[in-house]
C-alpha atoms as a PDB file:
ATOM      1  CA  UNK A   1      50.325 145.414 -96.708  1.00  0.00           C
ATOM      2  CA  UNK A   2      46.893 145.928 -98.165  1.00  0.00           C
ATOM      3  CA  UNK A   3      45.453 143.534 -95.576  1.00  0.00           C
ATOM      4  CA  UNK A   4      46.828 145.677 -92.744  1.00  0.00           C
ATOM      5  CA  UNK A   5      45.620 148.960 -94.237  1.00  0.00           C
ATOM      6  CA  UNK A   6      42.196 147.481 -94.931  1.00  0.00           C
ATOM      7  CA  UNK A   7      42.000 146.277 -91.339  1.00  0.00           C
ATOM      8  CA  UNK A   8      42.922 149.738 -90.055  1.00  0.00           C
ATOM      9  CA  UNK A   9      40.193 151.217 -92.257  1.00  0.00           C
ATOM     10  CA  UNK A  10      37.615 148.836 -90.774  1.00  0.00           C
ATOM     11  CA  UNK A  11      38.657 149.675 -87.227  1.00  0.00           C
ATOM     12  CA  UNK A  12      38.490 153.398 -87.938  1.00  0.00           C
ATOM     13  CA  UNK A  13      35.007 153.106 -89.460  1.00  0.00           C
ATOM     14  CA  UNK A  14      33.547 150.819 -86.784  1.00  0.00           C
ATOM     15  CA  UNK A  15      35.737 150.863 -83.667  1.00  0.00           C
ATOM     16  CA  UNK A  16      32.903 149.470 -81.542  1.00  0.00           C
ATOM     17  CA  UNK A  17      33.213 146.136 -83.390  1.00  0.00           C
ATOM     18  CA  UNK A  18      36.896 145.775 -82.525  1.00  0.00           C
ATOM     19  CA  UNK A  19      37.700 147.895 -79.483  1.00  0.00           C
ATOM     20  CA  UNK A  20      34.776 149.506 -77.661  1.00  0.00           C
ATOM     21  CA  UNK A  21      31.931 151.960 -78.068  1.00  0.00           C
ATOM     22  CA  UNK A  22      34.290 154.745 -76.981  1.00  0.00           C
ATOM     23  CA  UNK A  23      37.629 154.184 -78.707  1.00  0.00           C
ATOM     24  CA  UNK A  24      40.610 153.994 -76.395  1.00  0.00           C
ATOM     25  CA  UNK A  25      44.051 154.498 -77.885  1.00  0.00           C
ATOM     26  CA  UNK A  26      45.665 152.203 -75.329  1.00  0.00           C
ATOM     27  CA  UNK A  27      43.176 149.410 -76.081  1.00  0.00           C
ATOM     28  CA  UNK A  28      43.707 149.987 -79.788  1.00  0.00           C
ATOM     29  CA  UNK A  29      47.499 149.692 -79.494  1.00  0.00           C
ATOM     30  CA  UNK A  30      47.170 146.473 -77.514  1.00  0.00           C
ATOM     31  CA  UNK A  31      44.716 145.068 -80.025  1.00  0.00           C
ATOM     32  CA  UNK A  32      46.700 145.909 -83.160  1.00  0.00           C
ATOM     33  CA  UNK A  33      49.974 144.830 -81.556  1.00  0.00           C
ATOM     34  CA  UNK A  34      48.880 141.210 -81.621  1.00  0.00           C
ATOM     35  CA  UNK A  35      47.412 141.509 -85.092  1.00  0.00           C
ATOM     36  CA  UNK A  36      50.572 143.081 -86.513  1.00  0.00           C
ATOM     37  CA  UNK A  37      52.712 140.422 -84.852  1.00  0.00           C
ATOM     38  CA  UNK A  38      50.629 137.686 -86.498  1.00  0.00           C
ATOM     39  CA  UNK A  39      50.823 139.336 -89.916  1.00  0.00           C
ATOM     40  CA  UNK A  40      54.572 139.881 -89.530  1.00  0.00           C
ATOM     41  CA  UNK A  41      55.094 136.135 -89.144  1.00  0.00           C
ATOM     42  CA  UNK A  42      53.977 135.597 -92.735  1.00  0.00           C
ATOM     43  CA  UNK A  43      54.874 138.956 -94.306  1.00  0.00           C
ATOM     44  CA  UNK A  44      58.153 140.632 -93.302  1.00  0.00           C
ATOM     45  CA  UNK A  45      57.130 143.787 -95.168  1.00  0.00           C
ATOM     46  CA  UNK A  46      54.621 144.514 -92.397  1.00  0.00           C
ATOM     47  CA  UNK A  47      57.438 144.944 -89.860  1.00  0.00           C
ATOM     48  CA  UNK A  48      59.329 147.308 -92.159  1.00  0.00           C
ATOM     49  CA  UNK A  49      56.156 149.248 -92.881  1.00  0.00           C
ATOM     50  CA  UNK A  50      55.381 149.694 -89.188  1.00  0.00           C
ATOM     51  CA  UNK A  51      59.001 150.620 -88.382  1.00  0.00           C
ATOM     52  CA  UNK A  52      58.773 153.247 -91.114  1.00  0.00           C
ATOM     53  CA  UNK A  53      55.512 154.513 -89.662  1.00  0.00           C
ATOM     54  CA  UNK A  54      57.087 154.709 -86.195  1.00  0.00           C
ATOM     55  CA  UNK A  55      59.927 156.794 -87.636  1.00  0.00           C
ATOM     56  CA  UNK A  56      57.387 158.970 -89.461  1.00  0.00           C
ATOM     57  CA  UNK A  57      55.560 159.603 -86.160  1.00  0.00           C
ATOM     58  CA  UNK A  58      58.831 160.466 -84.424  1.00  0.00           C
ATOM     59  CA  UNK A  59      59.683 162.938 -87.206  1.00  0.00           C
ATOM     60  CA  UNK A  60      56.146 164.372 -87.169  1.00  0.00           C
ATOM     61  CA  UNK A  61      56.501 165.261 -83.491  1.00  0.00           C
ATOM     62  CA  UNK A  62      60.173 166.274 -83.865  1.00  0.00           C
ATOM     63  CA  UNK A  63      61.348 163.716 -81.309  1.00  0.00           C
ATOM     64  CA  UNK A  64      64.768 162.141 -81.769  1.00  0.00           C
ATOM     65  CA  UNK A  65      64.165 159.030 -79.707  1.00  0.00           C
ATOM     66  CA  UNK A  66      61.779 157.567 -77.199  1.00  0.00           C
ATOM     67  CA  UNK A  67      62.042 154.866 -74.579  1.00  0.00           C
ATOM     68  CA  UNK A  68      58.374 153.873 -74.599  1.00  0.00           C
ATOM     69  CA  UNK A  69      57.764 153.462 -78.312  1.00  0.00           C
ATOM     70  CA  UNK A  70      56.984 155.899 -81.050  1.00  0.00           C
ATOM     71  CA  UNK A  71      53.283 155.125 -81.232  1.00  0.00           C
ATOM     72  CA  UNK A  72      52.891 156.278 -77.627  1.00  0.00           C
ATOM     73  CA  UNK A  73      53.986 159.734 -78.829  1.00  0.00           C
ATOM     74  CA  UNK A  74      50.591 160.162 -80.445  1.00  0.00           C
ATOM     75  CA  UNK A  75      48.928 159.872 -77.049  1.00  0.00           C
ATOM     76  CA  UNK A  76      51.483 162.111 -75.367  1.00  0.00           C
ATOM     77  CA  UNK A  77      50.873 164.907 -77.875  1.00  0.00           C
ATOM     78  CA  UNK A  78      47.098 164.499 -78.062  1.00  0.00           C
ATOM     79  CA  UNK A  79      45.009 165.788 -75.144  1.00  0.00           C
ATOM     80  CA  UNK A  80      42.291 163.105 -75.097  1.00  0.00           C
ATOM     81  CA  UNK A  81      42.345 159.334 -75.518  1.00  0.00           C
ATOM     82  CA  UNK A  82      39.691 159.215 -78.259  1.00  0.00           C
ATOM     83  CA  UNK A  83      41.456 162.025 -80.151  1.00  0.00           C
ATOM     84  CA  UNK A  84      44.678 160.004 -80.072  1.00  0.00           C
ATOM     85  CA  UNK A  85      42.765 157.079 -81.592  1.00  0.00           C
ATOM     86  CA  UNK A  86      41.752 159.166 -84.601  1.00  0.00           C
ATOM     87  CA  UNK A  87      45.135 160.935 -84.774  1.00  0.00           C
ATOM     88  CA  UNK A  88      46.718 157.520 -85.399  1.00  0.00           C
ATOM     89  CA  UNK A  89      44.634 157.121 -88.549  1.00  0.00           C
ATOM     90  CA  UNK A  90      45.336 160.679 -89.669  1.00  0.00           C
ATOM     91  CA  UNK A  91      49.065 160.054 -89.376  1.00  0.00           C
ATOM     92  CA  UNK A  92      48.781 156.634 -91.025  1.00  0.00           C
ATOM     93  CA  UNK A  93      47.030 158.264 -94.002  1.00  0.00           C
ATOM     94  CA  UNK A  94      49.817 160.854 -94.213  1.00  0.00           C
ATOM     95  CA  UNK A  95      52.440 158.107 -94.024  1.00  0.00           C
ATOM     96  CA  UNK A  96      50.804 156.072 -96.796  1.00  0.00           C
ATOM     97  CA  UNK A  97      50.631 159.215 -98.927  1.00  0.00           C
ATOM     98  CA  UNK A  98      54.282 159.972 -98.168  1.00  0.00           C
ATOM     99  CA  UNK A  99      55.303 156.454 -99.216  1.00  0.00           C
ATOM    100  CA  UNK A 100      53.328 156.824-102.450  1.00  0.00           C
ATOM    101  CA  UNK A 101      55.214 160.040-103.190  1.00  0.00           C
ATOM    102  CA  UNK A 102      58.562 158.381-102.345  1.00  0.00           C
ATOM    103  CA  UNK A 103      58.375 154.931-103.970  1.00  0.00           C
ATOM    104  CA  UNK A 104      61.960 153.996-103.105  1.00  0.00           C
ATOM    105  CA  UNK A 105      60.812 153.677 -99.495  1.00  0.00           C
ATOM    106  CA  UNK A 106      58.613 150.775-100.546  1.00  0.00           C
ATOM    107  CA  UNK A 107      61.555 148.573-101.504  1.00  0.00           C
END
């Protein structure tokens, strides 16, 4: 889990090294999708963590279900592509904090 969160931190701090000079949320989702899939092959906790984050995003936006994926909600509710990029990290920070406050979710 720490590897994933550390990687997200690096992307947030220097998106031009991983995505582009002007962060695109769509490019970011494509990029991390492959990375998360690779990590999930060796660490099943990553999948559970990301499913929990997806549910957190759905709850944050008060949406019961979505056909296109919960992480696309961030873009739908954020007016600009680069703002959606940074909103992802804001929500991830809130989710990590939430999990720290509710340790039973980490099981």
